[in-house]
Amino acid sequence: MTEARQRIAELERNVTDLRGLVAAQNKVGADAQKAAETKKAEDAKKAADEAKKAEDAKKAAEEAKKAED
């Protein structure tokens, strides 16, 4: 009977340890996802800024061409 109690206690510790590992893994996963989303948003903003600059440059070139005519 004592052996069974010891085994139960050991199994309960293992379950507690595994729950802690799962929680840590979930946090790491959530942090990684947040970092990826932040990077994606930064990349999208950078692309939008570059597109705006290109559009502005195109407009400036068109205006310069009109001024020459």
N, C-alpha and C. Protein backbone atom coordinates (compact mmCIF):
# COMPACT_ATOMS: atom_id res chain seq x y z
N MET A 1 0.83 -1.19 0.00
CA MET A 1 0.00 0.00 0.00
C MET A 1 0.87 1.26 0.00
N THR A 2 1.95 1.26 0.73
CA THR A 2 2.86 2.40 0.78
C THR A 2 3.47 2.64 -0.60
N GLU A 3 3.80 1.56 -1.29
CA GLU A 3 4.36 1.68 -2.64
C GLU A 3 3.36 2.37 -3.56
N ALA A 4 2.12 2.01 -3.46
CA ALA A 4 1.08 2.59 -4.31
C ALA A 4 0.94 4.08 -4.01
N ARG A 5 0.99 4.47 -2.76
CA ARG A 5 0.90 5.89 -2.40
C ARG A 5 2.09 6.67 -2.93
N GLN A 6 3.27 6.06 -2.83
CA GLN A 6 4.47 6.71 -3.34
C GLN A 6 4.37 6.88 -4.87
N ARG A 7 3.88 5.87 -5.51
CA ARG A 7 3.72 5.93 -6.97
C ARG A 7 2.70 7.01 -7.36
N ILE A 8 1.61 7.08 -6.63
CA ILE A 8 0.60 8.12 -6.88
C ILE A 8 1.20 9.50 -6.69
N ALA A 9 1.96 9.69 -5.63
CA ALA A 9 2.59 10.98 -5.36
C ALA A 9 3.56 11.34 -6.49
N GLU A 10 4.32 10.37 -6.96
CA GLU A 10 5.27 10.59 -8.05
C GLU A 10 4.53 10.97 -9.34
N LEU A 11 3.45 10.26 -9.60
CA LEU A 11 2.66 10.56 -10.80
C LEU A 11 2.03 11.96 -10.72
N GLU A 12 1.57 12.33 -9.53
CA GLU A 12 1.00 13.66 -9.36
C GLU A 12 2.05 14.75 -9.58
N ARG A 13 3.28 14.50 -9.11
CA ARG A 13 4.37 15.46 -9.36
C ARG A 13 4.65 15.55 -10.86
N ASN A 14 4.64 14.41 -11.53
CA ASN A 14 4.88 14.41 -12.98
C ASN A 14 3.80 15.20 -13.71
N VAL A 15 2.56 15.02 -13.31
CA VAL A 15 1.46 15.76 -13.92
C VAL A 15 1.65 17.26 -13.69
N THR A 16 2.01 17.64 -12.49
CA THR A 16 2.24 19.06 -12.17
C THR A 16 3.38 19.61 -13.02
N ASP A 17 4.47 18.85 -13.13
CA ASP A 17 5.61 19.28 -13.95
C ASP A 17 5.21 19.43 -15.42
N LEU A 18 4.45 18.48 -15.92
CA LEU A 18 4.02 18.54 -17.32
C LEU A 18 3.09 19.72 -17.57
N ARG A 19 2.22 20.00 -16.62
CA ARG A 19 1.35 21.17 -16.76
C ARG A 19 2.18 22.45 -16.83
N GLY A 20 3.21 22.52 -15.99
CA GLY A 20 4.10 23.69 -16.02
C GLY A 20 4.81 23.81 -17.36
N LEU A 21 5.26 22.68 -17.91
CA LEU A 21 5.93 22.71 -19.21
C LEU A 21 4.99 23.14 -20.32
N VAL A 22 3.77 22.65 -20.28
CA VAL A 22 2.77 23.04 -21.29
C VAL A 22 2.49 24.53 -21.20
N ALA A 23 2.36 25.04 -19.99
CA ALA A 23 2.10 26.48 -19.81
C ALA A 23 3.27 27.29 -20.36
N ALA A 24 4.49 26.85 -20.08
CA ALA A 24 5.68 27.56 -20.57
C ALA A 24 5.73 27.51 -22.09
N GLN A 25 5.43 26.36 -22.65
CA GLN A 25 5.45 26.20 -24.10
C GLN A 25 4.38 27.09 -24.75
N ASN A 26 3.21 27.16 -24.15
CA ASN A 26 2.15 28.01 -24.67
C ASN A 26 2.57 29.48 -24.65
N LYS A 27 3.26 29.88 -23.60
CA LYS A 27 3.72 31.27 -23.50
C LYS A 27 4.75 31.55 -24.58
N VAL A 28 5.68 30.62 -24.78
CA VAL A 28 6.69 30.80 -25.82
C VAL A 28 6.02 30.90 -27.18
N GLY A 29 5.05 30.04 -27.41
CA GLY A 29 4.33 30.08 -28.68
C GLY A 29 3.58 31.39 -28.88
N ALA A 30 2.95 31.86 -27.83
CA ALA A 30 2.21 33.13 -27.91
C ALA A 30 3.17 34.29 -28.14
N ASP A 31 4.31 34.27 -27.47
CA ASP A 31 5.30 35.32 -27.66
C ASP A 31 5.83 35.31 -29.09
N ALA A 32 6.08 34.12 -29.62
CA ALA A 32 6.57 34.01 -30.99
C ALA A 32 5.53 34.51 -31.99
N GLN A 33 4.28 34.18 -31.74
CA GLN A 33 3.21 34.63 -32.63
C GLN A 33 3.09 36.15 -32.58
N LYS A 34 3.18 36.71 -31.39
CA LYS A 34 3.09 38.17 -31.25
C LYS A 34 4.25 38.84 -31.99
N ALA A 35 5.44 38.28 -31.85
CA ALA A 35 6.60 38.84 -32.53
C ALA A 35 6.44 38.77 -34.04
N ALA A 36 5.90 37.66 -34.53
CA ALA A 36 5.68 37.51 -35.97
C ALA A 36 4.64 38.51 -36.46
N GLU A 37 3.58 38.71 -35.70
CA GLU A 37 2.55 39.67 -36.09
C GLU A 37 3.10 41.09 -36.09
N THR A 38 3.94 41.41 -35.11
CA THR A 38 4.56 42.73 -35.05
C THR A 38 5.45 42.94 -36.26
N LYS A 39 6.24 41.93 -36.58
CA LYS A 39 7.14 42.01 -37.74
C LYS A 39 6.33 42.18 -39.02
N LYS A 40 5.25 41.44 -39.13
CA LYS A 40 4.39 41.52 -40.31
C LYS A 40 3.81 42.93 -40.45
N ALA A 41 3.37 43.49 -39.34
CA ALA A 41 2.81 44.85 -39.36
C ALA A 41 3.89 45.86 -39.74
N GLU A 42 5.09 45.70 -39.21
CA GLU A 42 6.18 46.60 -39.54
C GLU A 42 6.53 46.50 -41.03
N ASP A 43 6.56 45.27 -41.55
CA ASP A 43 6.85 45.07 -42.97
C ASP A 43 5.77 45.69 -43.85
N ALA A 44 4.52 45.55 -43.44
CA ALA A 44 3.41 46.14 -44.21
C ALA A 44 3.51 47.67 -44.20
N LYS A 45 3.84 48.24 -43.07
CA LYS A 45 3.99 49.70 -42.98
C LYS A 45 5.14 50.17 -43.86
N LYS A 46 6.24 49.44 -43.83
CA LYS A 46 7.39 49.79 -44.65
C LYS A 46 7.03 49.72 -46.14
N ALA A 47 6.32 48.68 -46.53
CA ALA A 47 5.90 48.54 -47.92
C ALA A 47 4.96 49.68 -48.32
N ALA A 48 4.05 50.04 -47.44
CA ALA A 48 3.13 51.14 -47.72
C ALA A 48 3.89 52.46 -47.86
N ASP A 49 4.87 52.67 -46.98
CA ASP A 49 5.68 53.90 -47.06
C ASP A 49 6.45 53.96 -48.37
N GLU A 50 7.01 52.82 -48.77
CA GLU A 50 7.76 52.77 -50.03
C GLU A 50 6.84 53.01 -51.23
N ALA A 51 5.64 52.45 -51.18
CA ALA A 51 4.68 52.66 -52.26
C ALA A 51 4.29 54.13 -52.34
N LYS A 52 4.10 54.77 -51.20
CA LYS A 52 3.75 56.20 -51.16
C LYS A 52 4.88 57.03 -51.74
N LYS A 53 6.12 56.71 -51.38
CA LYS A 53 7.27 57.44 -51.92
C LYS A 53 7.34 57.28 -53.44
N ALA A 54 7.11 56.06 -53.91
CA ALA A 54 7.14 55.81 -55.35
C ALA A 54 6.05 56.60 -56.05
N GLU A 55 4.86 56.64 -55.47
CA GLU A 55 3.74 57.39 -56.04
C GLU A 55 4.05 58.88 -56.05
N ASP A 56 4.64 59.38 -54.96
CA ASP A 56 5.01 60.79 -54.89
C ASP A 56 6.06 61.13 -55.94
N ALA A 57 7.03 60.25 -56.11
CA ALA A 57 8.08 60.47 -57.11
C ALA A 57 7.48 60.47 -58.51
N LYS A 58 6.54 59.58 -58.76
CA LYS A 58 5.88 59.52 -60.07
C LYS A 58 5.12 60.82 -60.34
N LYS A 59 4.39 61.30 -59.33
CA LYS A 59 3.64 62.56 -59.49
C LYS A 59 4.59 63.73 -59.73
N ALA A 60 5.70 63.74 -59.00
CA ALA A 60 6.67 64.83 -59.17
C ALA A 60 7.26 64.79 -60.57
N ALA A 61 7.55 63.62 -61.09
CA ALA A 61 8.09 63.49 -62.44
C ALA A 61 7.06 63.94 -63.47
N GLU A 62 5.81 63.59 -63.26
CA GLU A 62 4.74 64.01 -64.18
C GLU A 62 4.59 65.53 -64.17
N GLU A 63 4.65 66.13 -62.99
CA GLU A 63 4.54 67.59 -62.87
C GLU A 63 5.73 68.27 -63.53
N ALA A 64 6.91 67.70 -63.36
CA ALA A 64 8.10 68.27 -63.97
C ALA A 64 8.00 68.20 -65.50
N LYS A 65 7.48 67.09 -65.98
CA LYS A 65 7.31 66.93 -67.44
C LYS A 65 6.30 67.94 -67.96
N LYS A 66 5.21 68.14 -67.22
CA LYS A 66 4.19 69.13 -67.64
C LYS A 66 4.77 70.53 -67.65
N ALA A 67 5.63 70.81 -66.67
CA ALA A 67 6.23 72.13 -66.57
C ALA A 67 7.18 72.38 -67.75
N GLU A 68 7.81 71.35 -68.25
CA GLU A 68 8.72 71.48 -69.37
C GLU A 68 7.96 71.78 -70.67
N ASP A 69 6.76 71.23 -70.76
CA ASP A 69 5.96 71.39 -71.99
C ASP A 69 5.41 72.75 -72.10
